Each structure stands twice: as C-alpha cells, then as structure tokens.
C-alpha cells in the first residue's frame, strides 16, 4: 500500500527501482521488530544495573527490590534474550541501539516503576510464568507501545517506521501471547519461502501496471461519488484487492476482502472499511459473473 502510494505520487515509471524500495522497506520493518523487542531486554538489563547500585547504597534499602528481581529473572524475557537466531541477527545488523540510547530506557523504566503493573508485580515473591508474561504484556501494551517520545525517536531514525510501528507492536504482542512456559521462542524469517517474497513483488507490479484499468468499474459502482473524491488510500486498497482477485488464483476472494477491510481500519477513515467492503464485494461478484476471476485450489474456499 505504502509503495503503491509512493509510486503513484512520484510520477516515475521506474518500477524496478520502486521494487527495490519495497524490499528495503520490508527489511527495515523486520529490523524495527528486532529493535523493539530488544527494548524489552534492555529494560531488563537496566534493572539489573539499578539493583546492583541499590545494593551498594548503605543509607537505605530499595523498597522495590523484589520487583527488580522479578524483572531480572522474568522467564518470558529469558526466552527472547537466550534465542541464538535473535542475538545473531541483532549482532550482524548492529541493531542493539539501546546501549547508546540509555535515556529512553531510563524514561520507560521510571514509568514502569510508577505503574500499577509494577506495584502488583513487586508483591510476588515467586512469580509464575503466567505472572511474568502478564506483566510484560501490560508493560508493553500500556507503557511502551503508546509512548510518544519513543514514537518520535523512531520517526527521527526512519520516517517509514511510524507507519510500521503498529504492525510491529501487534506482532510482538502475538509472539508474547503464543509463548508457553515450556515452549521456545522462534524468530520468524522475513519471508516464509521464495514464493512469499515473489508474492510481494507481483502484487505491487500487477497493481501499478493495471492501476487505471478498472476505474470505470469502480466509477460504475459509486454513482453518488465523483471519482476524484474517493480517498487516495481507499482507492489504492481497492485496487490492491482487484489485483488479488484477478492475478492470484490461490487466494480466496473473502480472504482478500477481509484483509483490505482490516488495513483500512488502520490507515484510512472511520467509514472506509464499510465503503471498501461494499466495493470489493460487488466487484468480486461482477468479475466472477464475467469469468474474470478464476480461482484454483485453496482459492476456491
């Protein structure tokens, strides 16, 4: 969606160049996932240092020491920090940026200590894996993900990361939720296989090469709208959906429609999901009747 928008705005017909930007953007998104996950591990390490400082303080004992110990020994974070693939990718790509950005770690750490989640966690002498998991979920969803200063930092590092961050945060929450006490964290690859990587390229190229081919069909289904009044993002999502209808026989039309409805909820207006649902549903029926949509295998579901 982002790259189709950029391509159409640039008025440049160098598709190969934009494909390179597309793959670069996906690689950067993956790096953001690693960096954001490393943030949790860095907070854990920061807590260990602060506990050591607290223990050398002879004037007073830190009343939150149990909570410090719980964070340091958090069994869920250990699954991330001990993963070989995760650590190797971090090192190879030099993505452990938080060692030089300690002000962000301290900012988040102080907010965590003032939270009700830490107050409850501090009371647990022997937290279970579920306790550890729930604490990290609360901290991540309520403190880290919405932090405005952290969002501003990411935007200053890479302007595209602001749009990528909600997706990355959602994926991290999913990864945390799926981890069980006796399971192992598995670092997913960017693409599941070569076909997956080719899907990215093909969806982009088919959409931009045929971008104006179906304007008349959309115009016919929106008689109460002037074509140029349709939001640009809505139009791009509709045309991505059309490309999936016509050029990807293994993707069911219902799956395509649902995917672009969800995208519209994140990137377009409040009413866009209903609008896009209606247009894509009518187009799928129209193209099926005209035998333009030919689905095979899983696409028939």
Protein backbone atom coordinates (compact mmCIF):
# COMPACT_ATOMS: atom_id res chain seq x y z
CA UNK A 1 0.00 0.00 0.00
CA UNK A 2 2.72 2.45 1.01
CA UNK A 3 4.84 1.70 -2.05
CA UNK A 4 1.93 1.88 -4.49
CA UNK A 5 1.08 5.27 -3.00
CA UNK A 6 4.71 6.44 -3.29
CA UNK A 7 4.95 5.18 -6.88
CA UNK A 8 1.77 6.93 -7.99
CA UNK A 9 2.79 10.18 -6.28
CA UNK A 10 6.28 10.18 -7.78
CA UNK A 11 5.01 10.09 -11.39
CA UNK A 12 8.06 7.91 -12.08
CA UNK A 13 7.68 4.81 -14.26
CA UNK A 14 10.80 3.03 -12.96
CA UNK A 15 9.04 0.01 -11.44
CA UNK A 16 12.28 -1.88 -10.77
CA UNK A 17 13.59 0.96 -8.68
CA UNK A 18 10.38 1.07 -6.64
CA UNK A 19 10.58 -2.71 -6.18
CA UNK A 20 13.99 -2.18 -4.56
CA UNK A 21 12.44 0.39 -2.21
CA UNK A 22 9.66 -2.09 -1.45
CA UNK A 23 12.08 -4.82 -0.37
CA UNK A 24 14.19 -2.31 1.54
CA UNK A 25 11.10 -1.15 3.43
CA UNK A 26 10.23 -4.72 4.39
CA UNK A 27 13.78 -5.33 5.61
CA UNK A 28 13.60 -2.15 7.68
CA UNK A 29 10.27 -3.26 9.15
CA UNK A 30 11.89 -6.53 10.24
CA UNK A 31 14.77 -4.61 11.81
CA UNK A 32 12.25 -2.47 13.71
CA UNK A 33 10.74 -5.66 15.13
CA UNK A 34 14.18 -6.73 16.39
CA UNK A 35 14.92 -3.27 17.84
CA UNK A 36 11.55 -3.01 19.61
CA UNK A 37 11.94 -6.49 21.10
CA UNK A 38 15.49 -5.64 22.19
CA UNK A 39 13.98 -2.71 24.05
CA UNK A 40 12.37 -5.15 26.50
CA UNK A 41 15.67 -6.95 27.02
CA UNK A 42 17.48 -3.64 27.53
CA UNK A 43 14.98 -2.66 30.24
CA UNK A 44 15.71 -5.98 31.93
CA UNK A 45 19.47 -5.30 31.81
CA UNK A 46 18.96 -1.75 33.04
CA UNK A 47 17.00 -3.11 36.01
CA UNK A 48 19.88 -5.41 36.91
CA UNK A 49 22.30 -2.47 36.96
CA UNK A 50 19.95 -0.42 39.13
CA UNK A 51 19.56 -3.29 41.58
CA UNK A 52 23.35 -3.56 41.87
CA UNK A 53 23.53 0.18 42.58
CA UNK A 54 20.74 -0.16 45.14
CA UNK A 55 22.60 -2.91 46.98
CA UNK A 56 25.70 -0.74 47.34
CA UNK A 57 23.62 2.06 48.85
CA UNK A 58 24.20 1.75 52.60
CA UNK A 59 21.80 4.54 53.51
CA UNK A 60 18.56 2.82 52.55
CA UNK A 61 17.28 -0.39 51.03
CA UNK A 62 15.23 -0.01 47.85
CA UNK A 63 11.64 -0.95 48.73
CA UNK A 64 11.08 -2.25 45.18
CA UNK A 65 13.89 -4.80 45.30
CA UNK A 66 11.54 -7.79 44.85
CA UNK A 67 10.10 -6.22 41.72
CA UNK A 68 13.62 -5.61 40.41
CA UNK A 69 14.50 -9.26 40.97
CA UNK A 70 11.30 -10.35 39.23
CA UNK A 71 12.13 -8.32 36.12
CA UNK A 72 15.71 -9.61 36.08
CA UNK A 73 14.52 -13.23 36.37
CA UNK A 74 11.49 -12.79 34.10
CA UNK A 75 11.07 -16.15 32.43
CA UNK A 76 9.40 -14.79 29.31
CA UNK A 77 12.16 -12.25 28.63
CA UNK A 78 14.67 -15.03 29.06
CA UNK A 79 13.13 -16.82 26.08
CA UNK A 80 13.84 -13.78 23.90
CA UNK A 81 17.30 -12.97 25.25
CA UNK A 82 18.57 -16.54 25.01
CA UNK A 83 17.47 -17.13 21.40
CA UNK A 84 20.53 -17.69 19.20
CA UNK A 85 18.95 -16.50 15.93
CA UNK A 86 17.64 -13.35 17.57
CA UNK A 87 21.02 -12.49 19.09
CA UNK A 88 22.92 -13.33 15.91
CA UNK A 89 20.67 -11.13 13.74
CA UNK A 90 20.94 -8.30 16.28
CA UNK A 91 24.72 -8.51 16.23
CA UNK A 92 25.15 -8.96 12.48
CA UNK A 93 22.92 -5.97 11.69
CA UNK A 94 24.22 -3.89 14.60
CA UNK A 95 20.70 -3.42 15.93
CA UNK A 96 21.44 -3.20 19.65
CA UNK A 97 20.95 0.56 19.53
CA UNK A 98 19.73 0.97 23.11
CA UNK A 99 23.20 0.77 24.67
CA UNK A 100 23.76 4.25 23.22
CA UNK A 101 20.22 5.47 23.90
CA UNK A 102 20.01 4.86 27.63
CA UNK A 103 17.86 7.97 28.17
CA UNK A 104 14.91 6.18 26.52
CA UNK A 105 15.47 3.08 28.63
CA UNK A 106 15.52 5.14 31.81
CA UNK A 107 12.43 7.08 30.74
CA UNK A 108 10.44 3.89 30.19
CA UNK A 109 11.90 2.21 33.27
CA UNK A 110 10.80 5.05 35.54
CA UNK A 111 7.32 4.96 34.06
CA UNK A 112 7.18 1.21 34.65
CA UNK A 113 8.16 1.62 38.30
CA UNK A 114 5.37 4.14 38.84
CA UNK A 115 2.75 1.87 37.26
CA UNK A 116 0.14 -0.29 38.94
CA UNK A 117 1.50 -3.26 36.99
CA UNK A 118 4.87 -2.99 38.74
CA UNK A 119 3.19 -2.44 42.12
CA UNK A 120 1.38 -5.76 41.75
CA UNK A 121 4.46 -7.49 40.35
CA UNK A 122 6.57 -6.23 43.26
CA UNK A 123 4.34 -8.13 45.69
CA UNK A 124 5.04 -11.54 44.11
CA UNK A 125 7.86 -13.43 45.81
CA UNK A 126 7.85 -16.27 43.30
CA UNK A 127 6.03 -15.16 40.14
CA UNK A 128 4.81 -17.89 37.81
CA UNK A 129 5.45 -17.88 34.09
CA UNK A 130 1.91 -16.54 33.66
CA UNK A 131 2.68 -13.70 36.10
CA UNK A 132 5.86 -12.86 34.15
CA UNK A 133 4.01 -12.98 30.86
CA UNK A 134 1.09 -10.82 32.02
CA UNK A 135 3.47 -8.22 33.46
CA UNK A 136 5.41 -7.91 30.18
CA UNK A 137 2.17 -7.74 28.17
CA UNK A 138 0.81 -4.95 30.38
CA UNK A 139 4.07 -3.01 30.25
CA UNK A 140 4.43 -3.38 26.51
CA UNK A 141 0.83 -2.58 25.56
CA UNK A 142 0.19 0.20 28.11
CA UNK A 143 3.58 1.87 28.53
CA UNK A 144 6.00 1.08 25.69
CA UNK A 145 3.77 0.87 22.59
CA UNK A 146 1.95 4.22 23.11
CA UNK A 147 5.00 6.18 24.37
CA UNK A 148 5.11 9.43 22.37
CA UNK A 149 8.81 10.12 22.91
CA UNK A 150 9.69 6.65 21.68
CA UNK A 151 7.48 7.13 18.62
CA UNK A 152 9.17 10.48 17.92
CA UNK A 153 12.57 8.79 18.20
CA UNK A 154 11.63 6.11 15.67
CA UNK A 155 10.31 8.74 13.28
CA UNK A 156 13.61 10.62 13.51
CA UNK A 157 15.52 7.41 12.73
CA UNK A 158 13.34 6.29 9.81
CA UNK A 159 10.22 8.17 8.72
CA UNK A 160 8.59 4.94 7.49
CA UNK A 161 8.79 3.37 10.93
CA UNK A 162 5.91 5.45 12.26
CA UNK A 163 3.54 3.59 9.93
CA UNK A 164 5.28 0.27 10.58
CA UNK A 165 5.25 0.54 14.38
CA UNK A 166 1.59 -0.50 14.99
CA UNK A 167 2.13 -3.64 12.88
CA UNK A 168 5.40 -4.45 14.68
CA UNK A 169 3.84 -3.90 18.11
CA UNK A 170 0.91 -6.14 17.20
CA UNK A 171 3.32 -8.87 16.07
CA UNK A 172 5.32 -8.65 19.31
CA UNK A 173 2.13 -8.98 21.35
CA UNK A 174 1.16 -12.03 19.27
CA UNK A 175 4.60 -13.58 19.83
CA UNK A 176 4.38 -12.99 23.57
CA UNK A 177 0.87 -14.44 23.75
CA UNK A 178 1.79 -17.61 21.89
CA UNK A 179 4.75 -18.40 24.16
CA UNK A 180 4.08 -21.08 26.76
CA UNK A 181 6.11 -21.98 29.81
CA UNK A 182 7.79 -24.94 28.14
CA UNK A 183 7.88 -23.60 24.58
CA UNK A 184 10.78 -21.92 22.81
CA UNK A 185 10.73 -18.53 21.12
CA UNK A 186 11.29 -18.97 17.38
CA UNK A 187 12.46 -15.99 15.36
CA UNK A 188 10.44 -15.95 12.16
CA UNK A 189 12.18 -15.14 8.90
CA UNK A 190 11.05 -12.14 6.83
CA UNK A 191 9.55 -14.41 4.16
CA UNK A 192 8.39 -17.96 4.76
CA UNK A 193 9.79 -19.01 1.36
CA UNK A 194 10.72 -17.73 -2.12
CA UNK A 195 7.08 -17.77 -3.21
CA UNK A 196 6.24 -15.44 -0.35
CA UNK A 197 8.91 -12.98 -1.49
CA UNK A 198 7.69 -13.22 -5.08
CA UNK A 199 4.12 -12.51 -3.91
CA UNK A 200 5.29 -9.11 -2.62
CA UNK A 201 6.81 -8.17 -5.97
CA UNK A 202 3.92 -9.50 -8.04
CA UNK A 203 1.19 -7.78 -6.01
CA UNK A 204 2.99 -4.46 -6.31
CA UNK A 205 3.70 -4.71 -10.06
CA UNK A 206 0.26 -6.02 -11.02
CA UNK A 207 -1.38 -3.20 -9.08
CA UNK A 208 0.66 -0.35 -10.57
CA UNK A 209 0.68 -1.74 -14.13
CA UNK A 210 -3.13 -2.04 -14.13
CA UNK A 211 -3.85 0.90 -11.85
CA UNK A 212 -6.25 2.70 -14.20
CA UNK A 213 -7.70 -0.35 -15.94
CA UNK A 214 -10.63 -0.73 -13.56
CA UNK A 215 -11.53 2.90 -12.92
CA UNK A 216 -14.71 2.58 -15.00
CA UNK A 217 -15.85 -0.43 -12.94
CA UNK A 218 -15.30 1.43 -9.66
CA UNK A 219 -16.98 4.55 -11.08
CA UNK A 220 -20.00 2.47 -12.07
CA UNK A 221 -20.36 1.19 -8.50
CA UNK A 222 -20.06 4.64 -6.92
CA UNK A 223 -22.67 6.73 -8.77
CA UNK A 224 -23.04 9.14 -5.88
CA UNK A 225 -19.31 9.89 -5.78
CA UNK A 226 -17.11 11.88 -8.07
CA UNK A 227 -14.17 9.58 -8.79
CA UNK A 228 -11.56 12.08 -7.62
CA UNK A 229 -13.38 12.43 -4.28
CA UNK A 230 -12.58 8.86 -3.26
CA UNK A 231 -9.78 8.92 -0.70
CA UNK A 232 -6.45 8.03 -2.28
CA UNK A 233 -5.69 5.32 0.28
CA UNK A 234 -9.15 3.79 -0.17
CA UNK A 235 -8.61 3.69 -3.92
CA UNK A 236 -5.22 2.02 -3.54
CA UNK A 237 -6.63 -0.60 -1.18
CA UNK A 238 -9.47 -1.33 -3.61
CA UNK A 239 -7.03 -1.73 -6.50
CA UNK A 240 -4.74 -3.97 -4.47
CA UNK A 241 -7.83 -6.07 -3.79
CA UNK A 242 -8.68 -6.19 -7.50
CA UNK A 243 -5.12 -7.34 -8.27
CA UNK A 244 -5.54 -10.20 -5.79
CA UNK A 245 -8.90 -11.11 -7.31
CA UNK A 246 -7.57 -11.32 -10.85
CA UNK A 247 -3.93 -12.39 -10.61
CA UNK A 248 -3.69 -14.60 -7.52
CA UNK A 249 -5.81 -17.71 -8.11
CA UNK A 250 -4.89 -19.36 -4.80
CA UNK A 251 -6.21 -16.52 -2.60
CA UNK A 252 -9.95 -16.75 -1.79
CA UNK A 253 -11.89 -13.58 -2.54
CA UNK A 254 -13.27 -13.49 1.02
CA UNK A 255 -9.74 -13.52 2.42
CA UNK A 256 -8.76 -10.63 0.13
CA UNK A 257 -11.79 -8.55 1.15
CA UNK A 258 -11.20 -9.16 4.87
CA UNK A 259 -7.52 -8.23 4.60
CA UNK A 260 -8.20 -4.86 2.98
CA UNK A 261 -11.04 -4.09 5.37
CA UNK A 262 -8.56 -4.55 8.25
CA UNK A 263 -5.93 -2.40 6.54
CA UNK A 264 -8.45 0.38 6.03
CA UNK A 265 -9.22 0.43 9.76
CA UNK A 266 -5.59 1.25 10.49
CA UNK A 267 -4.76 3.58 7.62
CA UNK A 268 -7.92 5.28 6.41
CA UNK A 269 -11.06 7.00 7.72
CA UNK A 270 -13.68 5.59 10.09
CA UNK A 271 -16.15 4.89 7.25
CA UNK A 272 -13.58 3.43 4.84
CA UNK A 273 -13.93 -0.18 5.95
CA UNK A 274 -17.64 -0.21 5.09
CA UNK A 275 -17.00 1.56 1.78
CA UNK A 276 -14.17 -0.78 0.75
CA UNK A 277 -16.12 -3.85 1.84
CA UNK A 278 -19.07 -2.82 -0.34
CA UNK A 279 -16.99 -2.02 -3.44
CA UNK A 280 -14.80 -5.15 -3.28
CA UNK A 281 -17.78 -7.39 -2.59
CA UNK A 282 -19.65 -6.02 -5.63
CA UNK A 283 -16.55 -6.21 -7.82
CA UNK A 284 -15.88 -9.82 -6.83
CA UNK A 285 -19.43 -10.77 -7.85
CA UNK A 286 -19.19 -8.77 -11.08
CA UNK A 287 -15.83 -10.29 -12.10
CA UNK A 288 -16.93 -13.79 -11.12
CA UNK A 289 -20.03 -13.45 -13.31
CA UNK A 290 -17.85 -12.16 -16.17
CA UNK A 291 -15.47 -15.10 -15.57
CA UNK A 292 -12.55 -12.76 -14.95
CA UNK A 293 -11.89 -14.34 -11.56
CA UNK A 294 -10.53 -17.86 -11.83
CA UNK A 295 -9.66 -19.44 -8.51
CA UNK A 296 -7.98 -22.79 -8.00
CA UNK A 297 -7.05 -24.96 -5.02
CA UNK A 298 -7.23 -23.06 -1.75
CA UNK A 299 -8.57 -20.05 -3.65
CA UNK A 300 -11.90 -21.86 -4.12
CA UNK A 301 -12.61 -21.88 -0.38
